[in-house]
């Protein structure tokens, strides 16, 4: 995950409309836990996906980046898993989670993380995303978010 700050800087430089979610977002909010991937919720519009691909190319010289498409993200399979060529990290690019979450549904804030401005889902949004899932780790994450930020259970 050593390239995470580089990726986040590239997203900022290319004005990508995204929100960091998942364990990396928890870390930005001060709730650190191990993870093997980076979860980016993105607006699936062609111009934004082109900016996203330009940002990824700033970090990795990988022809596989060209396979990421706005049509896929806006279609039946709204998540693309990008495995970086150096195997440093996996980037999950998400436009929708079922019918429950779309990019437009997310509340995010710009937060400074290690000198980089990061668009990160708010603690409330992360809690709502995690509290009802069947994964035990998500339930733990939801509990930790609720406790740290004094969030109501509903």
Protein backbone atom coordinates (compact mmCIF):
# COMPACT_ATOMS: atom_id res chain seq x y z
CA UNK A 1 0.00 0.00 0.00
CA UNK A 2 3.01 2.24 -0.22
CA UNK A 3 1.61 3.86 -3.38
CA UNK A 4 -1.66 4.91 -1.76
CA UNK A 5 -0.53 8.54 -1.16
CA UNK A 6 0.70 8.71 -4.76
CA UNK A 7 -2.64 7.42 -6.04
CA UNK A 8 -4.62 9.86 -3.91
CA UNK A 9 -2.45 12.76 -5.13
CA UNK A 10 -3.02 11.70 -8.73
CA UNK A 11 -6.79 11.56 -8.19
CA UNK A 12 -6.64 15.10 -6.80
CA UNK A 13 -4.48 16.41 -9.69
CA UNK A 14 -6.86 14.96 -12.27
CA UNK A 15 -9.99 16.25 -10.48
CA UNK A 16 -11.53 12.80 -10.27
CA UNK A 17 -14.99 12.72 -8.71
CA UNK A 18 -14.56 9.92 -6.18
CA UNK A 19 -14.97 9.08 -2.53
CA UNK A 20 -12.65 6.79 -0.63
CA UNK A 21 -14.66 4.12 1.21
CA UNK A 22 -13.78 0.89 3.00
CA UNK A 23 -10.88 0.28 5.38
CA UNK A 24 -8.68 3.00 3.88
CA UNK A 25 -11.45 5.53 4.57
CA UNK A 26 -11.63 4.29 8.15
CA UNK A 27 -7.90 4.98 8.41
CA UNK A 28 -8.33 8.56 7.24
CA UNK A 29 -10.89 8.95 10.04
CA UNK A 30 -8.44 7.52 12.57
CA UNK A 31 -9.74 3.94 12.76
CA UNK A 32 -6.82 1.96 11.39
CA UNK A 33 -7.20 -1.67 10.35
CA UNK A 34 -5.43 -3.91 7.88
CA UNK A 35 -6.76 -4.16 4.35
CA UNK A 36 -5.67 -5.64 1.05
CA UNK A 37 -7.52 -3.26 -1.25
CA UNK A 38 -8.47 0.35 -1.83
CA UNK A 39 -12.15 1.05 -2.44
CA UNK A 40 -12.95 4.07 -4.63
CA UNK A 41 -16.53 5.02 -5.31
CA UNK A 42 -16.55 6.99 -8.57
CA UNK A 43 -19.02 8.91 -10.68
CA UNK A 44 -19.39 6.61 -13.73
CA UNK A 45 -19.58 9.36 -16.35
CA UNK A 46 -17.19 9.06 -19.34
CA UNK A 47 -15.24 12.26 -18.61
CA UNK A 48 -14.73 11.28 -14.96
CA UNK A 49 -13.65 7.74 -15.87
CA UNK A 50 -11.18 9.24 -18.38
CA UNK A 51 -9.77 11.38 -15.54
CA UNK A 52 -9.60 8.32 -13.30
CA UNK A 53 -7.67 6.38 -15.95
CA UNK A 54 -5.25 9.30 -16.38
CA UNK A 55 -4.67 9.33 -12.61
CA UNK A 56 -4.05 5.57 -12.56
CA UNK A 57 -1.59 5.95 -15.46
CA UNK A 58 0.32 8.56 -13.43
CA UNK A 59 0.97 5.82 -10.88
CA UNK A 60 1.25 2.68 -13.03
CA UNK A 61 2.36 2.22 -16.62
CA UNK A 62 -0.13 -0.54 -17.34
CA UNK A 63 -2.09 -1.15 -20.56
CA UNK A 64 -4.79 -2.90 -18.51
CA UNK A 65 -5.96 0.55 -17.34
CA UNK A 66 -7.39 1.07 -20.83
CA UNK A 67 -9.86 -1.77 -20.18
CA UNK A 68 -11.66 0.25 -17.48
CA UNK A 69 -14.77 1.75 -19.05
CA UNK A 70 -17.58 4.05 -18.06
CA UNK A 71 -19.99 1.71 -19.85
CA UNK A 72 -19.02 -1.16 -17.55
CA UNK A 73 -19.26 0.97 -14.44
CA UNK A 74 -22.66 2.34 -15.46
CA UNK A 75 -23.92 -1.10 -16.55
CA UNK A 76 -24.76 -4.43 -14.98
CA UNK A 77 -21.32 -4.87 -13.37
CA UNK A 78 -20.70 -1.57 -11.59
CA UNK A 79 -17.44 -2.61 -9.93
CA UNK A 80 -14.06 -3.08 -11.59
CA UNK A 81 -11.23 -4.72 -9.67
CA UNK A 82 -7.90 -3.32 -10.87
CA UNK A 83 -4.88 -5.35 -9.82
CA UNK A 84 -1.80 -3.16 -10.03
CA UNK A 85 1.13 -4.55 -12.02
CA UNK A 86 3.51 -4.27 -9.08
CA UNK A 87 0.99 -6.15 -6.91
CA UNK A 88 1.34 -3.43 -4.28
CA UNK A 89 -2.43 -3.07 -4.02
CA UNK A 90 -5.78 -3.85 -5.56
CA UNK A 91 -8.06 -0.94 -6.40
CA UNK A 92 -11.79 -1.65 -6.39
CA UNK A 93 -13.49 0.97 -8.56
CA UNK A 94 -17.16 1.12 -7.60
CA UNK A 95 -20.01 3.02 -9.22
CA UNK A 96 -22.88 1.26 -7.45
CA UNK A 97 -23.44 -1.32 -4.72
CA UNK A 98 -26.64 -3.12 -5.67
CA UNK A 99 -29.60 -0.80 -5.46
CA UNK A 100 -28.54 0.56 -2.08
CA UNK A 101 -25.63 2.85 -2.98
CA UNK A 102 -24.67 4.97 -5.96
CA UNK A 103 -21.95 7.62 -6.10
CA UNK A 104 -24.65 10.28 -5.87
CA UNK A 105 -25.86 8.78 -2.55
CA UNK A 106 -22.54 9.27 -0.77
CA UNK A 107 -21.74 12.11 1.56
CA UNK A 108 -18.04 12.86 1.61
CA UNK A 109 -15.64 15.43 2.99
CA UNK A 110 -12.27 16.68 1.81
CA UNK A 111 -9.75 15.67 4.45
CA UNK A 112 -6.01 16.16 4.75
CA UNK A 113 -4.23 12.81 5.07
CA UNK A 114 -0.44 12.82 5.14
CA UNK A 115 -0.35 16.08 3.20
CA UNK A 116 -2.80 14.93 0.52
CA UNK A 117 -6.37 16.17 0.16
CA UNK A 118 -8.58 13.08 0.11
CA UNK A 119 -12.26 12.88 -0.74
CA UNK A 120 -13.43 10.45 1.93
CA UNK A 121 -16.89 9.19 2.81
CA UNK A 122 -18.15 10.71 6.06
CA UNK A 123 -18.22 8.53 9.18
CA UNK A 124 -22.03 8.57 8.99
CA UNK A 125 -21.99 7.32 5.40
CA UNK A 126 -19.46 4.61 6.19
CA UNK A 127 -21.54 3.51 9.16
CA UNK A 128 -24.71 3.28 7.04
CA UNK A 129 -22.81 1.34 4.36
CA UNK A 130 -21.39 -1.17 6.83
CA UNK A 131 -24.02 -1.68 9.52
CA UNK A 132 -26.36 -3.94 7.57
CA UNK A 133 -23.93 -6.16 5.71
CA UNK A 134 -23.43 -9.83 6.60
CA UNK A 135 -19.61 -9.58 6.81
CA UNK A 136 -18.38 -9.78 10.42
CA UNK A 137 -15.60 -7.23 9.74
CA UNK A 138 -18.17 -4.70 8.50
CA UNK A 139 -20.16 -5.14 11.71
CA UNK A 140 -16.99 -4.47 13.73
CA UNK A 141 -16.22 -1.42 11.57
CA UNK A 142 -19.77 -0.10 12.05
CA UNK A 143 -19.50 -0.55 15.82
CA UNK A 144 -16.15 1.27 15.92
CA UNK A 145 -17.51 4.15 13.79
CA UNK A 146 -20.60 4.47 15.99
CA UNK A 147 -18.50 4.50 19.15
CA UNK A 148 -15.83 6.95 17.95
CA UNK A 149 -18.21 9.43 16.34
CA UNK A 150 -21.19 8.99 18.72
CA UNK A 151 -23.46 7.99 15.86
CA UNK A 152 -27.07 6.90 16.43
CA UNK A 153 -27.72 3.20 15.77
CA UNK A 154 -30.33 3.76 13.08
